[in-house]
Amino acid sequence: MINNNEFFLDRITSIHSTTGVVHLQVTTLNPEDGYIDIEVNANELLNDIPSLHMFAKKAIKLQDERIKQRYKDFKKTL
């Protein structure tokens, strides 16, 4: 169950638009949540794309660095 309107968006399963709105259907890591429908102001979403891109690239870079470090640490144990 989703509490306080916070959840981890795992996957976008469907996306479409209507006048001024982008509709997302998403899943979380909890199968009991089922599908969650999100409606976003299209203009605001478009304005946020540069920031979303920047933060996504940063998160992926940090994840890649963490994985590389884990393999380096593992290699030392061999």
N, C-alpha and C. Protein backbone atom coordinates (compact mmCIF):
# COMPACT_ATOMS: atom_id res chain seq x y z
N MET A 1 0.85 -1.18 0.00
CA MET A 1 0.00 0.00 0.00
C MET A 1 0.89 1.24 0.00
N ILE A 2 0.50 2.24 -0.74
CA ILE A 2 1.25 3.48 -0.83
C ILE A 2 0.89 4.37 0.35
N ASN A 3 1.90 4.83 1.06
CA ASN A 3 1.69 5.72 2.20
C ASN A 3 2.22 7.11 1.89
N ASN A 4 1.52 8.12 2.31
CA ASN A 4 1.95 9.51 2.17
C ASN A 4 2.28 9.90 0.73
N ASN A 5 1.66 9.24 -0.22
CA ASN A 5 1.87 9.54 -1.64
C ASN A 5 3.33 9.39 -2.07
N GLU A 6 4.11 8.62 -1.34
CA GLU A 6 5.50 8.36 -1.72
C GLU A 6 5.65 6.91 -2.13
N PHE A 7 6.36 6.69 -3.21
CA PHE A 7 6.63 5.34 -3.68
C PHE A 7 7.83 5.37 -4.60
N PHE A 8 8.42 4.21 -4.81
CA PHE A 8 9.53 4.08 -5.74
C PHE A 8 8.96 3.69 -7.09
N LEU A 9 9.09 4.55 -8.07
CA LEU A 9 8.61 4.28 -9.41
C LEU A 9 9.61 3.34 -10.07
N ASP A 10 9.20 2.10 -10.28
CA ASP A 10 10.09 1.09 -10.85
C ASP A 10 10.07 1.13 -12.38
N ARG A 11 8.89 1.12 -12.95
CA ARG A 11 8.78 1.09 -14.40
C ARG A 11 7.58 1.92 -14.88
N ILE A 12 7.74 2.54 -16.02
CA ILE A 12 6.62 3.17 -16.71
C ILE A 12 6.10 2.12 -17.68
N THR A 13 4.85 1.69 -17.48
CA THR A 13 4.29 0.64 -18.32
C THR A 13 3.46 1.17 -19.47
N SER A 14 3.00 2.41 -19.33
CA SER A 14 2.18 3.01 -20.39
C SER A 14 2.32 4.52 -20.30
N ILE A 15 2.33 5.16 -21.46
CA ILE A 15 2.41 6.62 -21.49
C ILE A 15 1.60 7.12 -22.69
N HIS A 16 0.78 8.13 -22.44
CA HIS A 16 0.04 8.78 -23.52
C HIS A 16 -0.30 10.20 -23.08
N SER A 17 -0.87 10.97 -23.99
CA SER A 17 -1.19 12.36 -23.65
C SER A 17 -2.60 12.71 -24.09
N THR A 18 -3.14 13.68 -23.38
CA THR A 18 -4.37 14.36 -23.77
C THR A 18 -4.05 15.84 -23.72
N THR A 19 -4.99 16.68 -23.95
CA THR A 19 -4.74 18.11 -24.02
C THR A 19 -4.07 18.62 -22.75
N GLY A 20 -2.78 18.97 -22.87
CA GLY A 20 -2.04 19.59 -21.77
C GLY A 20 -1.60 18.64 -20.66
N VAL A 21 -1.84 17.34 -20.82
CA VAL A 21 -1.53 16.38 -19.76
C VAL A 21 -0.80 15.17 -20.34
N VAL A 22 0.22 14.71 -19.62
CA VAL A 22 0.89 13.45 -19.94
C VAL A 22 0.44 12.44 -18.89
N HIS A 23 -0.04 11.30 -19.35
CA HIS A 23 -0.54 10.25 -18.47
C HIS A 23 0.47 9.11 -18.43
N LEU A 24 0.87 8.75 -17.22
CA LEU A 24 1.80 7.64 -17.02
C LEU A 24 1.10 6.56 -16.20
N GLN A 25 1.29 5.33 -16.60
CA GLN A 25 0.88 4.21 -15.77
C GLN A 25 2.17 3.54 -15.34
N VAL A 26 2.37 3.41 -14.03
CA VAL A 26 3.65 2.94 -13.51
C VAL A 26 3.44 1.78 -12.55
N THR A 27 4.55 1.08 -12.30
CA THR A 27 4.55 0.04 -11.28
C THR A 27 5.62 0.40 -10.25
N THR A 28 5.46 -0.16 -9.06
CA THR A 28 6.44 0.01 -8.00
C THR A 28 7.14 -1.33 -7.79
N LEU A 29 8.00 -1.40 -6.81
CA LEU A 29 8.66 -2.66 -6.48
C LEU A 29 7.74 -3.58 -5.70
N ASN A 30 6.60 -3.06 -5.25
CA ASN A 30 5.63 -3.84 -4.48
C ASN A 30 4.48 -4.26 -5.39
N PRO A 31 4.41 -5.54 -5.77
CA PRO A 31 3.34 -5.98 -6.68
C PRO A 31 1.93 -5.73 -6.13
N GLU A 32 1.79 -5.63 -4.81
CA GLU A 32 0.47 -5.38 -4.23
C GLU A 32 -0.07 -4.00 -4.60
N ASP A 33 0.83 -3.08 -4.98
CA ASP A 33 0.39 -1.74 -5.38
C ASP A 33 -0.31 -1.75 -6.73
N GLY A 34 -0.07 -2.78 -7.54
CA GLY A 34 -0.64 -2.83 -8.88
C GLY A 34 -0.11 -1.68 -9.73
N TYR A 35 -0.97 -1.19 -10.60
CA TYR A 35 -0.59 -0.06 -11.44
C TYR A 35 -1.01 1.24 -10.78
N ILE A 36 -0.17 2.25 -10.94
CA ILE A 36 -0.47 3.57 -10.40
C ILE A 36 -0.57 4.52 -11.58
N ASP A 37 -1.63 5.28 -11.64
CA ASP A 37 -1.82 6.26 -12.70
C ASP A 37 -1.36 7.63 -12.22
N ILE A 38 -0.52 8.26 -13.02
CA ILE A 38 0.01 9.58 -12.70
C ILE A 38 -0.32 10.51 -13.87
N GLU A 39 -0.81 11.68 -13.56
CA GLU A 39 -1.08 12.70 -14.57
C GLU A 39 -0.17 13.89 -14.30
N VAL A 40 0.53 14.34 -15.33
CA VAL A 40 1.51 15.41 -15.18
C VAL A 40 1.19 16.53 -16.16
N ASN A 41 1.27 17.76 -15.68
CA ASN A 41 1.12 18.93 -16.55
C ASN A 41 2.20 18.85 -17.62
N ALA A 42 1.81 18.81 -18.87
CA ALA A 42 2.75 18.63 -19.97
C ALA A 42 3.80 19.74 -20.03
N ASN A 43 3.39 20.99 -19.80
CA ASN A 43 4.34 22.10 -19.84
C ASN A 43 5.38 21.97 -18.74
N GLU A 44 4.93 21.62 -17.54
CA GLU A 44 5.86 21.47 -16.42
C GLU A 44 6.82 20.31 -16.66
N LEU A 45 6.29 19.22 -17.20
CA LEU A 45 7.15 18.07 -17.50
C LEU A 45 8.22 18.46 -18.52
N LEU A 46 7.82 19.17 -19.55
CA LEU A 46 8.77 19.60 -20.57
C LEU A 46 9.82 20.54 -19.98
N ASN A 47 9.40 21.43 -19.09
CA ASN A 47 10.35 22.34 -18.45
C ASN A 47 11.34 21.59 -17.55
N ASP A 48 10.90 20.46 -17.00
CA ASP A 48 11.74 19.70 -16.08
C ASP A 48 12.67 18.70 -16.78
N ILE A 49 12.51 18.50 -18.07
CA ILE A 49 13.31 17.49 -18.77
C ILE A 49 14.82 17.73 -18.62
N PRO A 50 15.34 18.94 -18.77
CA PRO A 50 16.78 19.11 -18.57
C PRO A 50 17.25 18.68 -17.18
N SER A 51 16.49 19.02 -16.16
CA SER A 51 16.87 18.62 -14.80
C SER A 51 16.73 17.11 -14.62
N LEU A 52 15.65 16.53 -15.12
CA LEU A 52 15.47 15.08 -15.03
C LEU A 52 16.63 14.36 -15.71
N HIS A 53 17.03 14.85 -16.87
CA HIS A 53 18.15 14.25 -17.60
C HIS A 53 19.43 14.35 -16.78
N MET A 54 19.70 15.52 -16.23
CA MET A 54 20.92 15.73 -15.45
C MET A 54 20.95 14.79 -14.23
N PHE A 55 19.84 14.72 -13.49
CA PHE A 55 19.82 13.88 -12.30
C PHE A 55 19.88 12.39 -12.64
N ALA A 56 19.24 11.99 -13.73
CA ALA A 56 19.30 10.59 -14.15
C ALA A 56 20.73 10.21 -14.55
N LYS A 57 21.39 11.07 -15.31
CA LYS A 57 22.79 10.79 -15.70
C LYS A 57 23.69 10.71 -14.47
N LYS A 58 23.48 11.61 -13.51
CA LYS A 58 24.28 11.61 -12.29
C LYS A 58 24.05 10.32 -11.50
N ALA A 59 22.81 9.90 -11.38
CA ALA A 59 22.49 8.69 -10.63
C ALA A 59 23.10 7.45 -11.30
N ILE A 60 23.06 7.40 -12.62
CA ILE A 60 23.64 6.27 -13.35
C ILE A 60 25.15 6.26 -13.19
N LYS A 61 25.77 7.43 -13.24
CA LYS A 61 27.23 7.51 -13.06
C LYS A 61 27.63 7.01 -11.67
N LEU A 62 26.90 7.44 -10.64
CA LEU A 62 27.19 6.99 -9.28
C LEU A 62 27.01 5.48 -9.14
N GLN A 63 25.97 4.98 -9.77
CA GLN A 63 25.72 3.53 -9.74
C GLN A 63 26.86 2.78 -10.43
N ASP A 64 27.28 3.26 -11.59
CA ASP A 64 28.38 2.62 -12.32
C ASP A 64 29.67 2.64 -11.51
N GLU A 65 29.96 3.77 -10.87
CA GLU A 65 31.16 3.87 -10.04
C GLU A 65 31.10 2.90 -8.87
N ARG A 66 29.93 2.75 -8.27
CA ARG A 66 29.77 1.83 -7.15
C ARG A 66 30.01 0.38 -7.60
N ILE A 67 29.46 0.03 -8.76
CA ILE A 67 29.65 -1.33 -9.28
C ILE A 67 31.12 -1.59 -9.58
N LYS A 68 31.80 -0.62 -10.20
CA LYS A 68 33.22 -0.78 -10.50
C LYS A 68 34.03 -0.97 -9.23
N GLN A 69 33.70 -0.20 -8.18
CA GLN A 69 34.41 -0.32 -6.92
C GLN A 69 34.18 -1.68 -6.28
N ARG A 70 32.98 -2.17 -6.37
CA ARG A 70 32.67 -3.49 -5.81
C ARG A 70 33.49 -4.57 -6.51
N TYR A 71 33.64 -4.47 -7.84
CA TYR A 71 34.45 -5.45 -8.57
C TYR A 71 35.93 -5.31 -8.22
N LYS A 72 36.40 -4.08 -8.04
CA LYS A 72 37.79 -3.88 -7.63
C LYS A 72 38.03 -4.50 -6.26
N ASP A 73 37.10 -4.29 -5.33
CA ASP A 73 37.22 -4.87 -4.00
C ASP A 73 37.16 -6.40 -4.07
N PHE A 74 36.31 -6.92 -4.91
CA PHE A 74 36.19 -8.36 -5.07
C PHE A 74 37.50 -8.94 -5.64
N LYS A 75 38.06 -8.26 -6.62
CA LYS A 75 39.29 -8.72 -7.24
C LYS A 75 40.42 -8.84 -6.21
N LYS A 76 40.43 -7.95 -5.25
CA LYS A 76 41.47 -7.97 -4.20
C LYS A 76 41.35 -9.21 -3.31
N THR A 77 40.15 -9.79 -3.24
CA THR A 77 39.96 -10.96 -2.39
C THR A 77 40.38 -12.25 -3.09
N LEU A 78 40.66 -12.19 -4.37
CA LEU A 78 41.04 -13.41 -5.11
C LEU A 78 42.48 -13.77 -4.90
